[in-house]
Amino acid sequence: MSENGTFLPVRRRLSIVRAALGMTKAAAAEKLGVDPTILTRWESGSHPIPDVRMAQIKEVFGVDLEDERWERHKFLALPAIKNT
């Protein structure tokens, strides 16, 4: 739940994490090996994020977007992007 008691969608969480890491959509898409338009679709909610990509996002960004405790993390110190 967010601070106002509403659920924060996974697509919004992805945008927040990307921005917190200082990454453009193009840079994040490159790191994930997808076209930037795909990332845009995920963040807009027009296309769901496939499970295999959710696992990849967790591995690359070090953040589980589906974790029920997500809002409690506050992202004060996000892990560095792993070099692959």
N, C-alpha and C. Protein backbone atom coordinates (compact mmCIF):
# COMPACT_ATOMS: atom_id res chain seq x y z
N MET A 1 0.83 -1.18 0.00
CA MET A 1 0.00 0.00 0.00
C MET A 1 0.88 1.25 0.00
N SER A 2 0.40 2.26 -0.65
CA SER A 2 1.12 3.53 -0.61
C SER A 2 0.70 4.26 0.65
N GLU A 3 1.26 5.43 0.86
CA GLU A 3 0.97 6.15 2.09
C GLU A 3 -0.49 6.56 2.19
N ASN A 4 -1.19 6.73 1.04
CA ASN A 4 -2.60 7.10 1.11
C ASN A 4 -3.51 5.89 1.14
N GLY A 5 -2.93 4.68 1.27
CA GLY A 5 -3.70 3.47 1.42
C GLY A 5 -4.08 2.77 0.13
N THR A 6 -3.60 3.26 -1.00
CA THR A 6 -3.90 2.61 -2.27
C THR A 6 -2.70 1.81 -2.75
N PHE A 7 -2.98 0.77 -3.51
CA PHE A 7 -1.93 -0.09 -4.03
C PHE A 7 -1.19 0.61 -5.15
N LEU A 8 0.13 0.58 -5.11
CA LEU A 8 0.95 1.17 -6.15
C LEU A 8 1.20 0.12 -7.22
N PRO A 9 0.74 0.35 -8.45
CA PRO A 9 0.89 -0.66 -9.51
C PRO A 9 2.36 -0.97 -9.80
N VAL A 10 2.59 -2.21 -10.22
CA VAL A 10 3.94 -2.65 -10.57
C VAL A 10 4.54 -1.74 -11.64
N ARG A 11 3.75 -1.33 -12.61
CA ARG A 11 4.26 -0.46 -13.67
C ARG A 11 4.81 0.84 -13.10
N ARG A 12 4.14 1.37 -12.08
CA ARG A 12 4.60 2.61 -11.45
C ARG A 12 5.87 2.35 -10.64
N ARG A 13 5.92 1.19 -10.02
CA ARG A 13 7.12 0.82 -9.26
C ARG A 13 8.33 0.76 -10.18
N LEU A 14 8.14 0.21 -11.38
CA LEU A 14 9.24 0.13 -12.35
C LEU A 14 9.74 1.53 -12.70
N SER A 15 8.84 2.44 -12.94
CA SER A 15 9.22 3.83 -13.25
C SER A 15 9.99 4.47 -12.11
N ILE A 16 9.54 4.24 -10.88
CA ILE A 16 10.18 4.83 -9.70
C ILE A 16 11.59 4.28 -9.54
N VAL A 17 11.74 2.97 -9.67
CA VAL A 17 13.06 2.36 -9.51
C VAL A 17 14.01 2.87 -10.58
N ARG A 18 13.55 2.91 -11.82
CA ARG A 18 14.40 3.38 -12.93
C ARG A 18 14.85 4.81 -12.66
N ALA A 19 13.91 5.67 -12.28
CA ALA A 19 14.24 7.07 -12.01
C ALA A 19 15.18 7.21 -10.81
N ALA A 20 14.93 6.41 -9.77
CA ALA A 20 15.79 6.46 -8.57
C ALA A 20 17.22 6.06 -8.90
N LEU A 21 17.37 5.20 -9.89
CA LEU A 21 18.70 4.78 -10.31
C LEU A 21 19.33 5.76 -11.31
N GLY A 22 18.58 6.80 -11.66
CA GLY A 22 19.09 7.81 -12.58
C GLY A 22 19.19 7.31 -14.01
N MET A 23 18.35 6.34 -14.36
CA MET A 23 18.43 5.74 -15.69
C MET A 23 17.33 6.27 -16.60
N THR A 24 17.70 6.54 -17.83
CA THR A 24 16.70 6.86 -18.83
C THR A 24 16.00 5.57 -19.24
N LYS A 25 14.87 5.71 -19.93
CA LYS A 25 14.21 4.51 -20.43
C LYS A 25 15.12 3.76 -21.38
N ALA A 26 15.85 4.49 -22.21
CA ALA A 26 16.76 3.84 -23.17
C ALA A 26 17.84 3.05 -22.45
N ALA A 27 18.43 3.63 -21.41
CA ALA A 27 19.50 2.93 -20.68
C ALA A 27 18.96 1.70 -19.95
N ALA A 28 17.80 1.82 -19.33
CA ALA A 28 17.21 0.69 -18.62
C ALA A 28 16.82 -0.41 -19.60
N ALA A 29 16.26 -0.02 -20.73
CA ALA A 29 15.88 -1.00 -21.75
C ALA A 29 17.10 -1.75 -22.26
N GLU A 30 18.18 -1.02 -22.47
CA GLU A 30 19.42 -1.66 -22.94
C GLU A 30 19.92 -2.66 -21.90
N LYS A 31 19.88 -2.26 -20.63
CA LYS A 31 20.34 -3.14 -19.56
C LYS A 31 19.49 -4.42 -19.48
N LEU A 32 18.20 -4.28 -19.82
CA LEU A 32 17.29 -5.43 -19.79
C LEU A 32 17.26 -6.18 -21.12
N GLY A 33 17.89 -5.61 -22.14
CA GLY A 33 17.92 -6.26 -23.44
C GLY A 33 16.61 -6.20 -24.20
N VAL A 34 15.85 -5.12 -23.97
CA VAL A 34 14.60 -4.93 -24.69
C VAL A 34 14.61 -3.59 -25.40
N ASP A 35 13.72 -3.44 -26.35
CA ASP A 35 13.58 -2.17 -27.06
C ASP A 35 12.96 -1.14 -26.10
N PRO A 36 13.39 0.12 -26.18
CA PRO A 36 12.82 1.14 -25.29
C PRO A 36 11.30 1.26 -25.39
N THR A 37 10.73 0.95 -26.55
CA THR A 37 9.27 1.01 -26.67
C THR A 37 8.59 -0.04 -25.80
N ILE A 38 9.25 -1.17 -25.60
CA ILE A 38 8.70 -2.21 -24.72
C ILE A 38 8.67 -1.70 -23.28
N LEU A 39 9.76 -1.08 -22.85
CA LEU A 39 9.81 -0.53 -21.50
C LEU A 39 8.74 0.54 -21.33
N THR A 40 8.55 1.37 -22.33
CA THR A 40 7.51 2.40 -22.29
C THR A 40 6.14 1.76 -22.12
N ARG A 41 5.89 0.67 -22.84
CA ARG A 41 4.61 -0.03 -22.74
C ARG A 41 4.41 -0.63 -21.36
N TRP A 42 5.47 -1.19 -20.78
CA TRP A 42 5.38 -1.74 -19.43
C TRP A 42 5.06 -0.64 -18.42
N GLU A 43 5.78 0.48 -18.53
CA GLU A 43 5.60 1.57 -17.57
C GLU A 43 4.24 2.25 -17.72
N SER A 44 3.69 2.26 -18.93
CA SER A 44 2.39 2.88 -19.14
C SER A 44 1.25 1.95 -18.74
N GLY A 45 1.56 0.67 -18.65
CA GLY A 45 0.53 -0.30 -18.31
C GLY A 45 -0.22 -0.85 -19.51
N SER A 46 0.19 -0.44 -20.72
CA SER A 46 -0.50 -0.93 -21.92
C SER A 46 -0.16 -2.39 -22.22
N HIS A 47 0.97 -2.87 -21.69
CA HIS A 47 1.36 -4.27 -21.82
C HIS A 47 1.85 -4.77 -20.46
N PRO A 48 1.42 -5.96 -20.06
CA PRO A 48 1.91 -6.51 -18.79
C PRO A 48 3.38 -6.91 -18.90
N ILE A 49 4.06 -6.89 -17.78
CA ILE A 49 5.46 -7.32 -17.75
C ILE A 49 5.46 -8.84 -17.61
N PRO A 50 6.04 -9.55 -18.58
CA PRO A 50 6.08 -11.02 -18.50
C PRO A 50 6.86 -11.48 -17.26
N ASP A 51 6.46 -12.64 -16.73
CA ASP A 51 7.12 -13.17 -15.53
C ASP A 51 8.63 -13.30 -15.69
N VAL A 52 9.07 -13.75 -16.86
CA VAL A 52 10.51 -13.90 -17.08
C VAL A 52 11.21 -12.55 -17.00
N ARG A 53 10.54 -11.50 -17.44
CA ARG A 53 11.14 -10.15 -17.36
C ARG A 53 11.09 -9.62 -15.93
N MET A 54 10.06 -9.98 -15.17
CA MET A 54 10.00 -9.57 -13.76
C MET A 54 11.20 -10.15 -13.01
N ALA A 55 11.52 -11.41 -13.31
CA ALA A 55 12.68 -12.04 -12.68
C ALA A 55 13.96 -11.34 -13.11
N GLN A 56 14.03 -10.95 -14.38
CA GLN A 56 15.22 -10.26 -14.88
C GLN A 56 15.35 -8.88 -14.23
N ILE A 57 14.25 -8.17 -14.08
CA ILE A 57 14.26 -6.85 -13.42
C ILE A 57 14.78 -7.00 -11.99
N LYS A 58 14.33 -8.05 -11.31
CA LYS A 58 14.80 -8.30 -9.94
C LYS A 58 16.31 -8.54 -9.92
N GLU A 59 16.79 -9.31 -10.88
CA GLU A 59 18.23 -9.62 -10.96
C GLU A 59 19.05 -8.37 -11.32
N VAL A 60 18.62 -7.64 -12.31
CA VAL A 60 19.39 -6.50 -12.81
C VAL A 60 19.33 -5.31 -11.85
N PHE A 61 18.14 -4.98 -11.35
CA PHE A 61 17.97 -3.80 -10.50
C PHE A 61 18.06 -4.12 -9.02
N GLY A 62 17.99 -5.42 -8.67
CA GLY A 62 18.06 -5.80 -7.27
C GLY A 62 16.82 -5.46 -6.48
N VAL A 63 15.68 -5.35 -7.17
CA VAL A 63 14.43 -4.96 -6.53
C VAL A 63 13.31 -5.89 -7.01
N ASP A 64 12.56 -6.44 -6.07
CA ASP A 64 11.41 -7.27 -6.42
C ASP A 64 10.18 -6.37 -6.49
N LEU A 65 9.73 -6.09 -7.70
CA LEU A 65 8.60 -5.19 -7.89
C LEU A 65 7.28 -5.77 -7.37
N GLU A 66 7.24 -7.08 -7.16
CA GLU A 66 6.02 -7.72 -6.69
C GLU A 66 6.00 -7.96 -5.18
N ASP A 67 7.04 -7.57 -4.50
CA ASP A 67 7.13 -7.75 -3.05
C ASP A 67 6.04 -6.93 -2.37
N GLU A 68 5.23 -7.57 -1.55
CA GLU A 68 4.14 -6.88 -0.86
C GLU A 68 4.65 -5.79 0.09
N ARG A 69 5.89 -5.92 0.52
CA ARG A 69 6.47 -4.92 1.43
C ARG A 69 7.16 -3.81 0.67
N TRP A 70 6.95 -3.71 -0.62
CA TRP A 70 7.67 -2.78 -1.48
C TRP A 70 7.70 -1.36 -0.95
N GLU A 71 6.58 -0.84 -0.55
CA GLU A 71 6.52 0.56 -0.08
C GLU A 71 7.37 0.80 1.16
N ARG A 72 7.59 -0.21 1.93
CA ARG A 72 8.39 -0.05 3.15
C ARG A 72 9.88 0.11 2.85
N HIS A 73 10.29 -0.31 1.67
CA HIS A 73 11.71 -0.22 1.33
C HIS A 73 12.18 1.23 1.26
N LYS A 74 11.32 2.10 0.78
CA LYS A 74 11.59 3.54 0.67
C LYS A 74 12.74 3.88 -0.29
N PHE A 75 13.47 2.89 -0.73
CA PHE A 75 14.54 3.08 -1.70
C PHE A 75 15.53 4.16 -1.30
N LEU A 76 15.89 4.15 -0.04
CA LEU A 76 16.90 5.10 0.44
C LEU A 76 18.28 4.76 -0.10
N ALA A 77 18.52 3.48 -0.32
CA ALA A 77 19.83 3.06 -0.83
C ALA A 77 19.62 1.89 -1.79
N LEU A 78 19.29 2.22 -3.02
CA LEU A 78 19.12 1.16 -4.01
C LEU A 78 20.45 0.50 -4.34
N PRO A 79 20.42 -0.80 -4.58
CA PRO A 79 21.67 -1.47 -4.97
C PRO A 79 22.15 -0.97 -6.32
N ALA A 80 23.44 -1.01 -6.51
CA ALA A 80 24.00 -0.58 -7.80
C ALA A 80 23.60 -1.56 -8.89
N ILE A 81 23.50 -1.05 -10.08
CA ILE A 81 23.20 -1.90 -11.23
C ILE A 81 24.37 -2.86 -11.42
N LYS A 82 24.04 -4.13 -11.54
CA LYS A 82 25.08 -5.15 -11.72
C LYS A 82 25.62 -5.11 -13.13
N ASN A 83 26.92 -5.26 -13.27
CA ASN A 83 27.52 -5.35 -14.59
C ASN A 83 27.37 -6.78 -15.09
N THR A 84 26.82 -6.91 -16.29
CA THR A 84 26.64 -8.24 -16.85
C THR A 84 27.41 -8.36 -18.13
